[in-house]
Amino acid sequence: TSNSGSSLKAKALCLAIATALSGLASAAHA
């Protein structure tokens, strides 16, 4: 349970970072 919880947190963190970076790239592209 703790392994899947930390895995879920890592995936959520990666998703948040990717979303933030794509927003910056989109603004720079515009």
mmCIF file of all heavy atoms, coordinates in Angstrom:
data_MODEL
# 
_entry.id   MODEL 
# 
loop_
_atom_site.group_PDB 
_atom_site.id 
_atom_site.type_symbol 
_atom_site.label_atom_id 
_atom_site.label_alt_id 
_atom_site.label_comp_id 
_atom_site.label_asym_id 
_atom_site.label_entity_id 
_atom_site.label_seq_id 
_atom_site.pdbx_PDB_ins_code 
_atom_site.Cartn_x 
_atom_site.Cartn_y 
_atom_site.Cartn_z 
_atom_site.occupancy 
_atom_site.B_iso_or_equiv 
_atom_site.pdbx_formal_charge 
_atom_site.auth_seq_id 
_atom_site.auth_comp_id 
_atom_site.auth_asym_id 
_atom_site.auth_atom_id 
_atom_site.pdbx_PDB_model_num 
ATOM 1   N N   . THR A 1 1  ? 0.839  -1.197 0.000   1.00 0.00 ? 1  THR A N   1 
ATOM 2   C CA  . THR A 1 1  ? 0.000  0.000  0.000   1.00 0.00 ? 1  THR A CA  1 
ATOM 3   C C   . THR A 1 1  ? 0.872  1.244  0.000   1.00 0.00 ? 1  THR A C   1 
ATOM 4   O O   . THR A 1 1  ? 0.582  2.207  -0.702  1.00 0.00 ? 1  THR A O   1 
ATOM 5   C CB  . THR A 1 1  ? -0.926 0.010  1.234   1.00 0.00 ? 1  THR A CB  1 
ATOM 6   O OG1 . THR A 1 1  ? -1.634 -1.202 1.279   1.00 0.00 ? 1  THR A OG1 1 
ATOM 7   C CG2 . THR A 1 1  ? -1.886 1.152  1.186   1.00 0.00 ? 1  THR A CG2 1 
ATOM 8   N N   . SER A 1 2  ? 1.957  1.231  0.740   1.00 0.00 ? 2  SER A N   1 
ATOM 9   C CA  . SER A 1 2  ? 2.829  2.405  0.783   1.00 0.00 ? 2  SER A CA  1 
ATOM 10  C C   . SER A 1 2  ? 3.591  2.555  -0.533  1.00 0.00 ? 2  SER A C   1 
ATOM 11  O O   . SER A 1 2  ? 3.832  3.654  -0.990  1.00 0.00 ? 2  SER A O   1 
ATOM 12  C CB  . SER A 1 2  ? 3.776  2.333  1.971   1.00 0.00 ? 2  SER A CB  1 
ATOM 13  O OG  . SER A 1 2  ? 4.742  1.322  1.766   1.00 0.00 ? 2  SER A OG  1 
ATOM 14  N N   . ASN A 1 3  ? 3.954  1.406  -1.174  1.00 0.00 ? 3  ASN A N   1 
ATOM 15  C CA  . ASN A 1 3  ? 4.627  1.466  -2.464  1.00 0.00 ? 3  ASN A CA  1 
ATOM 16  C C   . ASN A 1 3  ? 3.703  2.018  -3.539  1.00 0.00 ? 3  ASN A C   1 
ATOM 17  O O   . ASN A 1 3  ? 4.102  2.839  -4.342  1.00 0.00 ? 3  ASN A O   1 
ATOM 18  C CB  . ASN A 1 3  ? 5.137  0.092  -2.885  1.00 0.00 ? 3  ASN A CB  1 
ATOM 19  C CG  . ASN A 1 3  ? 6.422  -0.286 -2.173  1.00 0.00 ? 3  ASN A CG  1 
ATOM 20  O OD1 . ASN A 1 3  ? 7.101  0.583  -1.645  1.00 0.00 ? 3  ASN A OD1 1 
ATOM 21  N ND2 . ASN A 1 3  ? 6.730  -1.565 -2.161  1.00 0.00 ? 3  ASN A ND2 1 
ATOM 22  N N   . SER A 1 4  ? 2.474  1.555  -3.573  1.00 0.00 ? 4  SER A N   1 
ATOM 23  C CA  . SER A 1 4  ? 1.552  2.064  -4.581  1.00 0.00 ? 4  SER A CA  1 
ATOM 24  C C   . SER A 1 4  ? 1.160  3.502  -4.274  1.00 0.00 ? 4  SER A C   1 
ATOM 25  O O   . SER A 1 4  ? 0.915  4.290  -5.178  1.00 0.00 ? 4  SER A O   1 
ATOM 26  C CB  . SER A 1 4  ? 0.330  1.156  -4.722  1.00 0.00 ? 4  SER A CB  1 
ATOM 27  O OG  . SER A 1 4  ? -0.420 1.128  -3.531  1.00 0.00 ? 4  SER A OG  1 
ATOM 28  N N   . GLY A 1 5  ? 1.137  3.879  -3.002  1.00 0.00 ? 5  GLY A N   1 
ATOM 29  C CA  . GLY A 1 5  ? 0.840  5.266  -2.636  1.00 0.00 ? 5  GLY A CA  1 
ATOM 30  C C   . GLY A 1 5  ? 1.960  6.190  -3.078  1.00 0.00 ? 5  GLY A C   1 
ATOM 31  O O   . GLY A 1 5  ? 1.725  7.278  -3.606  1.00 0.00 ? 5  GLY A O   1 
ATOM 32  N N   . SER A 1 6  ? 3.210  5.777  -2.884  1.00 0.00 ? 6  SER A N   1 
ATOM 33  C CA  . SER A 1 6  ? 4.335  6.616  -3.305  1.00 0.00 ? 6  SER A CA  1 
ATOM 34  C C   . SER A 1 6  ? 4.442  6.634  -4.824  1.00 0.00 ? 6  SER A C   1 
ATOM 35  O O   . SER A 1 6  ? 4.827  7.638  -5.425  1.00 0.00 ? 6  SER A O   1 
ATOM 36  C CB  . SER A 1 6  ? 5.641  6.135  -2.676  1.00 0.00 ? 6  SER A CB  1 
ATOM 37  O OG  . SER A 1 6  ? 5.969  4.843  -3.144  1.00 0.00 ? 6  SER A OG  1 
ATOM 38  N N   . SER A 1 7  ? 4.093  5.514  -5.459  1.00 0.00 ? 7  SER A N   1 
ATOM 39  C CA  . SER A 1 7  ? 4.086  5.463  -6.922  1.00 0.00 ? 7  SER A CA  1 
ATOM 40  C C   . SER A 1 7  ? 3.036  6.411  -7.480  1.00 0.00 ? 7  SER A C   1 
ATOM 41  O O   . SER A 1 7  ? 3.265  7.107  -8.458  1.00 0.00 ? 7  SER A O   1 
ATOM 42  C CB  . SER A 1 7  ? 3.825  4.031  -7.379  1.00 0.00 ? 7  SER A CB  1 
ATOM 43  O OG  . SER A 1 7  ? 3.699  3.985  -8.773  1.00 0.00 ? 7  SER A OG  1 
ATOM 44  N N   . LEU A 1 8  ? 1.885  6.432  -6.817  1.00 0.00 ? 8  LEU A N   1 
ATOM 45  C CA  . LEU A 1 8  ? 0.804  7.325  -7.245  1.00 0.00 ? 8  LEU A CA  1 
ATOM 46  C C   . LEU A 1 8  ? 1.213  8.784  -7.059  1.00 0.00 ? 8  LEU A C   1 
ATOM 47  O O   . LEU A 1 8  ? 0.955  9.623  -7.914  1.00 0.00 ? 8  LEU A O   1 
ATOM 48  C CB  . LEU A 1 8  ? -0.474 7.009  -6.449  1.00 0.00 ? 8  LEU A CB  1 
ATOM 49  C CG  . LEU A 1 8  ? -1.716 7.786  -6.826  1.00 0.00 ? 8  LEU A CG  1 
ATOM 50  C CD1 . LEU A 1 8  ? -2.084 7.504  -8.280  1.00 0.00 ? 8  LEU A CD1 1 
ATOM 51  C CD2 . LEU A 1 8  ? -2.860 7.430  -5.909  1.00 0.00 ? 8  LEU A CD2 1 
ATOM 52  N N   . LYS A 1 9  ? 1.903  9.075  -5.944  1.00 0.00 ? 9  LYS A N   1 
ATOM 53  C CA  . LYS A 1 9  ? 2.367  10.451 -5.690  1.00 0.00 ? 9  LYS A CA  1 
ATOM 54  C C   . LYS A 1 9  ? 3.409  10.855 -6.740  1.00 0.00 ? 9  LYS A C   1 
ATOM 55  O O   . LYS A 1 9  ? 3.409  11.988 -7.225  1.00 0.00 ? 9  LYS A O   1 
ATOM 56  C CB  . LYS A 1 9  ? 2.965  10.559 -4.297  1.00 0.00 ? 9  LYS A CB  1 
ATOM 57  C CG  . LYS A 1 9  ? 1.947  10.544 -3.184  1.00 0.00 ? 9  LYS A CG  1 
ATOM 58  C CD  . LYS A 1 9  ? 2.622  10.670 -1.837  1.00 0.00 ? 9  LYS A CD  1 
ATOM 59  C CE  . LYS A 1 9  ? 1.630  10.546 -0.697  1.00 0.00 ? 9  LYS A CE  1 
ATOM 60  N NZ  . LYS A 1 9  ? 2.277  10.634 0.620   1.00 0.00 ? 9  LYS A NZ  1 
ATOM 61  N N   . ALA A 1 10 ? 4.294  9.930  -7.116  1.00 0.00 ? 10 ALA A N   1 
ATOM 62  C CA  . ALA A 1 10 ? 5.323  10.219 -8.106  1.00 0.00 ? 10 ALA A CA  1 
ATOM 63  C C   . ALA A 1 10 ? 4.691  10.494 -9.469  1.00 0.00 ? 10 ALA A C   1 
ATOM 64  O O   . ALA A 1 10 ? 5.090  11.423 -10.181 1.00 0.00 ? 10 ALA A O   1 
ATOM 65  C CB  . ALA A 1 10 ? 6.313  9.057  -8.205  1.00 0.00 ? 10 ALA A CB  1 
ATOM 66  N N   . LYS A 1 11 ? 3.683  9.695  -9.815  1.00 0.00 ? 11 LYS A N   1 
ATOM 67  C CA  . LYS A 1 11 ? 2.989  9.916  -11.094 1.00 0.00 ? 11 LYS A CA  1 
ATOM 68  C C   . LYS A 1 11 ? 2.267  11.255 -11.088 1.00 0.00 ? 11 LYS A C   1 
ATOM 69  O O   . LYS A 1 11 ? 2.277  11.984 -12.079 1.00 0.00 ? 11 LYS A O   1 
ATOM 70  C CB  . LYS A 1 11 ? 2.016  8.785  -11.371 1.00 0.00 ? 11 LYS A CB  1 
ATOM 71  C CG  . LYS A 1 11 ? 2.676  7.482  -11.743 1.00 0.00 ? 11 LYS A CG  1 
ATOM 72  C CD  . LYS A 1 11 ? 1.654  6.408  -12.010 1.00 0.00 ? 11 LYS A CD  1 
ATOM 73  C CE  . LYS A 1 11 ? 2.329  5.069  -12.321 1.00 0.00 ? 11 LYS A CE  1 
ATOM 74  N NZ  . LYS A 1 11 ? 1.350  4.002  -12.547 1.00 0.00 ? 11 LYS A NZ  1 
ATOM 75  N N   . ALA A 1 12 ? 1.640  11.592 -9.977  1.00 0.00 ? 12 ALA A N   1 
ATOM 76  C CA  . ALA A 1 12 ? 0.919  12.869 -9.869  1.00 0.00 ? 12 ALA A CA  1 
ATOM 77  C C   . ALA A 1 12 ? 1.900  14.034 -9.976  1.00 0.00 ? 12 ALA A C   1 
ATOM 78  O O   . ALA A 1 12 ? 1.616  15.045 -10.629 1.00 0.00 ? 12 ALA A O   1 
ATOM 79  C CB  . ALA A 1 12 ? 0.147  12.929 -8.555  1.00 0.00 ? 12 ALA A CB  1 
ATOM 80  N N   . LEU A 1 13 ? 3.073  13.890 -9.343  1.00 0.00 ? 13 LEU A N   1 
ATOM 81  C CA  . LEU A 1 13 ? 4.090  14.939 -9.409  1.00 0.00 ? 13 LEU A CA  1 
ATOM 82  C C   . LEU A 1 13 ? 4.605  15.105 -10.841 1.00 0.00 ? 13 LEU A C   1 
ATOM 83  O O   . LEU A 1 13 ? 4.747  16.235 -11.338 1.00 0.00 ? 13 LEU A O   1 
ATOM 84  C CB  . LEU A 1 13 ? 5.246  14.608 -8.462  1.00 0.00 ? 13 LEU A CB  1 
ATOM 85  C CG  . LEU A 1 13 ? 6.391  15.613 -8.416  1.00 0.00 ? 13 LEU A CG  1 
ATOM 86  C CD1 . LEU A 1 13 ? 5.885  16.964 -7.929  1.00 0.00 ? 13 LEU A CD1 1 
ATOM 87  C CD2 . LEU A 1 13 ? 7.508  15.120 -7.536  1.00 0.00 ? 13 LEU A CD2 1 
ATOM 88  N N   . CYS A 1 14 ? 4.854  13.991 -11.517 1.00 0.00 ? 14 CYS A N   1 
ATOM 89  C CA  . CYS A 1 14 ? 5.309  14.056 -12.915 1.00 0.00 ? 14 CYS A CA  1 
ATOM 90  C C   . CYS A 1 14 ? 4.259  14.706 -13.804 1.00 0.00 ? 14 CYS A C   1 
ATOM 91  O O   . CYS A 1 14 ? 4.578  15.514 -14.679 1.00 0.00 ? 14 CYS A O   1 
ATOM 92  C CB  . CYS A 1 14 ? 5.627  12.657 -13.429 1.00 0.00 ? 14 CYS A CB  1 
ATOM 93  S SG  . CYS A 1 14 ? 7.154  11.987 -12.749 1.00 0.00 ? 14 CYS A SG  1 
ATOM 94  N N   . LEU A 1 15 ? 2.988  14.351 -13.561 1.00 0.00 ? 15 LEU A N   1 
ATOM 95  C CA  . LEU A 1 15 ? 1.891  14.941 -14.338 1.00 0.00 ? 15 LEU A CA  1 
ATOM 96  C C   . LEU A 1 15 ? 1.810  16.440 -14.097 1.00 0.00 ? 15 LEU A C   1 
ATOM 97  O O   . LEU A 1 15 ? 1.621  17.220 -15.027 1.00 0.00 ? 15 LEU A O   1 
ATOM 98  C CB  . LEU A 1 15 ? 0.570  14.254 -13.989 1.00 0.00 ? 15 LEU A CB  1 
ATOM 99  C CG  . LEU A 1 15 ? -0.656 14.746 -14.732 1.00 0.00 ? 15 LEU A CG  1 
ATOM 100 C CD1 . LEU A 1 15 ? -0.496 14.469 -16.230 1.00 0.00 ? 15 LEU A CD1 1 
ATOM 101 C CD2 . LEU A 1 15 ? -1.909 14.086 -14.212 1.00 0.00 ? 15 LEU A CD2 1 
ATOM 102 N N   . ALA A 1 16 ? 1.971  16.868 -12.851 1.00 0.00 ? 16 ALA A N   1 
ATOM 103 C CA  . ALA A 1 16 ? 1.920  18.295 -12.526 1.00 0.00 ? 16 ALA A CA  1 
ATOM 104 C C   . ALA A 1 16 ? 3.068  19.049 -13.187 1.00 0.00 ? 16 ALA A C   1 
ATOM 105 O O   . ALA A 1 16 ? 2.886  20.142 -13.736 1.00 0.00 ? 16 ALA A O   1 
ATOM 106 C CB  . ALA A 1 16 ? 1.949  18.486 -11.013 1.00 0.00 ? 16 ALA A CB  1 
ATOM 107 N N   . ILE A 1 17 ? 4.261  18.485 -13.171 1.00 0.00 ? 17 ILE A N   1 
ATOM 108 C CA  . ILE A 1 17 ? 5.429  19.124 -13.785 1.00 0.00 ? 17 ILE A CA  1 
ATOM 109 C C   . ILE A 1 17 ? 5.243  19.210 -15.304 1.00 0.00 ? 17 ILE A C   1 
ATOM 110 O O   . ILE A 1 17 ? 5.514  20.252 -15.917 1.00 0.00 ? 17 ILE A O   1 
ATOM 111 C CB  . ILE A 1 17 ? 6.722  18.372 -13.421 1.00 0.00 ? 17 ILE A CB  1 
ATOM 112 C CG1 . ILE A 1 17 ? 7.027  18.552 -11.932 1.00 0.00 ? 17 ILE A CG1 1 
ATOM 113 C CG2 . ILE A 1 17 ? 7.886  18.841 -14.270 1.00 0.00 ? 17 ILE A CG2 1 
ATOM 114 C CD1 . ILE A 1 17 ? 8.165  17.698 -11.427 1.00 0.00 ? 17 ILE A CD1 1 
ATOM 115 N N   . ALA A 1 18 ? 4.762  18.131 -15.910 1.00 0.00 ? 18 ALA A N   1 
ATOM 116 C CA  . ALA A 1 18 ? 4.550  18.124 -17.358 1.00 0.00 ? 18 ALA A CA  1 
ATOM 117 C C   . ALA A 1 18 ? 3.505  19.154 -17.761 1.00 0.00 ? 18 ALA A C   1 
ATOM 118 O O   . ALA A 1 18 ? 3.651  19.855 -18.765 1.00 0.00 ? 18 ALA A O   1 
ATOM 119 C CB  . ALA A 1 18 ? 4.139  16.732 -17.821 1.00 0.00 ? 18 ALA A CB  1 
ATOM 120 N N   . THR A 1 19 ? 2.445  19.261 -16.976 1.00 0.00 ? 19 THR A N   1 
ATOM 121 C CA  . THR A 1 19 ? 1.394  20.239 -17.271 1.00 0.00 ? 19 THR A CA  1 
ATOM 122 C C   . THR A 1 19 ? 1.936  21.662 -17.167 1.00 0.00 ? 19 THR A C   1 
ATOM 123 O O   . THR A 1 19 ? 1.653  22.515 -18.023 1.00 0.00 ? 19 THR A O   1 
ATOM 124 C CB  . THR A 1 19 ? 0.207  20.047 -16.306 1.00 0.00 ? 19 THR A CB  1 
ATOM 125 O OG1 . THR A 1 19 ? -0.253 18.708 -16.397 1.00 0.00 ? 19 THR A OG1 1 
ATOM 126 C CG2 . THR A 1 19 ? -0.927 20.996 -16.618 1.00 0.00 ? 19 THR A CG2 1 
ATOM 127 N N   . ALA A 1 20 ? 2.736  21.922 -16.133 1.00 0.00 ? 20 ALA A N   1 
ATOM 128 C CA  . ALA A 1 20 ? 3.303  23.261 -15.959 1.00 0.00 ? 20 ALA A CA  1 
ATOM 129 C C   . ALA A 1 20 ? 4.247  23.603 -17.109 1.00 0.00 ? 20 ALA A C   1 
ATOM 130 O O   . ALA A 1 20 ? 4.218  24.722 -17.638 1.00 0.00 ? 20 ALA A O   1 
ATOM 131 C CB  . ALA A 1 20 ? 4.033  23.342 -14.623 1.00 0.00 ? 20 ALA A CB  1 
ATOM 132 N N   . LEU A 1 21 ? 5.083  22.651 -17.504 1.00 0.00 ? 21 LEU A N   1 
ATOM 133 C CA  . LEU A 1 21 ? 6.023  22.900 -18.595 1.00 0.00 ? 21 LEU A CA  1 
ATOM 134 C C   . LEU A 1 21 ? 5.321  23.097 -19.929 1.00 0.00 ? 21 LEU A C   1 
ATOM 135 O O   . LEU A 1 21 ? 5.722  23.929 -20.735 1.00 0.00 ? 21 LEU A O   1 
ATOM 136 C CB  . LEU A 1 21 ? 7.039  21.765 -18.693 1.00 0.00 ? 21 LEU A CB  1 
ATOM 137 C CG  . LEU A 1 21 ? 8.062  21.692 -17.555 1.00 0.00 ? 21 LEU A CG  1 
ATOM 138 C CD1 . LEU A 1 21 ? 8.946  20.466 -17.722 1.00 0.00 ? 21 LEU A CD1 1 
ATOM 139 C CD2 . LEU A 1 21 ? 8.894  22.947 -17.486 1.00 0.00 ? 21 LEU A CD2 1 
ATOM 140 N N   . SER A 1 22 ? 4.258  22.347 -20.168 1.00 0.00 ? 22 SER A N   1 
ATOM 141 C CA  . SER A 1 22 ? 3.537  22.520 -21.433 1.00 0.00 ? 22 SER A CA  1 
ATOM 142 C C   . SER A 1 22 ? 2.841  23.870 -21.477 1.00 0.00 ? 22 SER A C   1 
ATOM 143 O O   . SER A 1 22 ? 2.728  24.485 -22.531 1.00 0.00 ? 22 SER A O   1 
ATOM 144 C CB  . SER A 1 22 ? 2.543  21.378 -21.649 1.00 0.00 ? 22 SER A CB  1 
ATOM 145 O OG  . SER A 1 22 ? 1.481  21.466 -20.709 1.00 0.00 ? 22 SER A OG  1 
ATOM 146 N N   . GLY A 1 23 ? 2.388  24.353 -20.344 1.00 0.00 ? 23 GLY A N   1 
ATOM 147 C CA  . GLY A 1 23 ? 1.790  25.685 -20.284 1.00 0.00 ? 23 GLY A CA  1 
ATOM 148 C C   . GLY A 1 23 ? 2.800  26.759 -20.606 1.00 0.00 ? 23 GLY A C   1 
ATOM 149 O O   . GLY A 1 23 ? 2.524  27.719 -21.326 1.00 0.00 ? 23 GLY A O   1 
ATOM 150 N N   . LEU A 1 24 ? 4.024  26.613 -20.084 1.00 0.00 ? 24 LEU A N   1 
ATOM 151 C CA  . LEU A 1 24 ? 5.076  27.579 -20.375 1.00 0.00 ? 24 LEU A CA  1 
ATOM 152 C C   . LEU A 1 24 ? 5.476  27.528 -21.841 1.00 0.00 ? 24 LEU A C   1 
ATOM 153 O O   . LEU A 1 24 ? 5.693  28.555 -22.485 1.00 0.00 ? 24 LEU A O   1 
ATOM 154 C CB  . LEU A 1 24 ? 6.297  27.302 -19.497 1.00 0.00 ? 24 LEU A CB  1 
ATOM 155 C CG  . LEU A 1 24 ? 6.151  27.592 -18.003 1.00 0.00 ? 24 LEU A CG  1 
ATOM 156 C CD1 . LEU A 1 24 ? 7.406  27.155 -17.268 1.00 0.00 ? 24 LEU A CD1 1 
ATOM 157 C CD2 . LEU A 1 24 ? 5.877  29.055 -17.760 1.00 0.00 ? 24 LEU A CD2 1 
ATOM 158 N N   . ALA A 1 25 ? 5.595  26.317 -22.384 1.00 0.00 ? 25 ALA A N   1 
ATOM 159 C CA  . ALA A 1 25 ? 5.965  26.178 -23.793 1.00 0.00 ? 25 ALA A CA  1 
ATOM 160 C C   . ALA A 1 25 ? 4.895  26.761 -24.691 1.00 0.00 ? 25 ALA A C   1 
ATOM 161 O O   . ALA A 1 25 ? 5.194  27.383 -25.709 1.00 0.00 ? 25 ALA A O   1 
ATOM 162 C CB  . ALA A 1 25 ? 6.198  24.712 -24.119 1.00 0.00 ? 25 ALA A CB  1 
ATOM 163 N N   . SER A 1 26 ? 3.648  26.579 -24.322 1.00 0.00 ? 26 SER A N   1 
ATOM 164 C CA  . SER A 1 26 ? 2.550  27.120 -25.123 1.00 0.00 ? 26 SER A CA  1 
ATOM 165 C C   . SER A 1 26 ? 2.574  28.637 -25.110 1.00 0.00 ? 26 SER A C   1 
ATOM 166 O O   . SER A 1 26 ? 2.366  29.280 -26.133 1.00 0.00 ? 26 SER A O   1 
ATOM 167 C CB  . SER A 1 26 ? 1.218  26.596 -24.575 1.00 0.00 ? 26 SER A CB  1 
ATOM 168 O OG  . SER A 1 26 ? 0.143  27.169 -25.269 1.00 0.00 ? 26 SER A OG  1 
ATOM 169 N N   . ALA A 1 27 ? 2.837  29.229 -23.949 1.00 0.00 ? 27 ALA A N   1 
ATOM 170 C CA  . ALA A 1 27 ? 2.908  30.687 -23.853 1.00 0.00 ? 27 ALA A CA  1 
ATOM 171 C C   . ALA A 1 27 ? 4.091  31.212 -24.659 1.00 0.00 ? 27 ALA A C   1 
ATOM 172 O O   . ALA A 1 27 ? 3.982  32.216 -25.359 1.00 0.00 ? 27 ALA A O   1 
ATOM 173 C CB  . ALA A 1 27 ? 3.014  31.114 -22.397 1.00 0.00 ? 27 ALA A CB  1 
ATOM 174 N N   . ALA A 1 28 ? 5.226  30.534 -24.588 1.00 0.00 ? 28 ALA A N   1 
ATOM 175 C CA  . ALA A 1 28 ? 6.397  30.954 -25.351 1.00 0.00 ? 28 ALA A CA  1 
ATOM 176 C C   . ALA A 1 28 ? 6.138  30.809 -26.841 1.00 0.00 ? 28 ALA A C   1 
ATOM 177 O O   . ALA A 1 28 ? 6.546  31.659 -27.637 1.00 0.00 ? 28 ALA A O   1 
ATOM 178 C CB  . ALA A 1 28 ? 7.614  30.128 -24.935 1.00 0.00 ? 28 ALA A CB  1 
ATOM 179 N N   . HIS A 1 29 ? 5.443  29.754 -27.235 1.00 0.00 ? 29 HIS A N   1 
ATOM 180 C CA  . HIS A 1 29 ? 5.114  29.531 -28.637 1.00 0.00 ? 29 HIS A CA  1 
ATOM 181 C C   . HIS A 1 29 ? 4.186  30.639 -29.147 1.00 0.00 ? 29 HIS A C   1 
ATOM 182 O O   . HIS A 1 29 ? 4.375  31.138 -30.252 1.00 0.00 ? 29 HIS A O   1 
ATOM 183 C CB  . HIS A 1 29 ? 4.462  28.163 -28.812 1.00 0.00 ? 29 HIS A CB  1 
ATOM 184 C CG  . HIS A 1 29 ? 4.021  27.865 -30.201 1.00 0.00 ? 29 HIS A CG  1 
ATOM 185 N ND1 . HIS A 1 29 ? 4.907  27.666 -31.230 1.00 0.00 ? 29 HIS A ND1 1 
ATOM 186 C CD2 . HIS A 1 29 ? 2.780  27.774 -30.754 1.00 0.00 ? 29 HIS A CD2 1 
ATOM 187 C CE1 . HIS A 1 29 ? 4.237  27.447 -32.343 1.00 0.00 ? 29 HIS A CE1 1 
ATOM 188 N NE2 . HIS A 1 29 ? 2.945  27.509 -32.071 1.00 0.00 ? 29 HIS A NE2 1 
ATOM 189 N N   . ALA A 1 30 ? 3.225  31.031 -28.335 1.00 0.00 ? 30 ALA A N   1 
ATOM 190 C CA  . ALA A 1 30 ? 2.298  32.083 -28.745 1.00 0.00 ? 30 ALA A CA  1 
ATOM 191 C C   . ALA A 1 30 ? 3.036  33.409 -28.925 1.00 0.00 ? 30 ALA A C   1 
ATOM 192 O O   . ALA A 1 30 ? 2.776  34.148 -29.872 1.00 0.00 ? 30 ALA A O   1 
ATOM 193 C CB  . ALA A 1 30 ? 1.172  32.224 -27.721 1.00 0.00 ? 30 ALA A CB  1 
# 
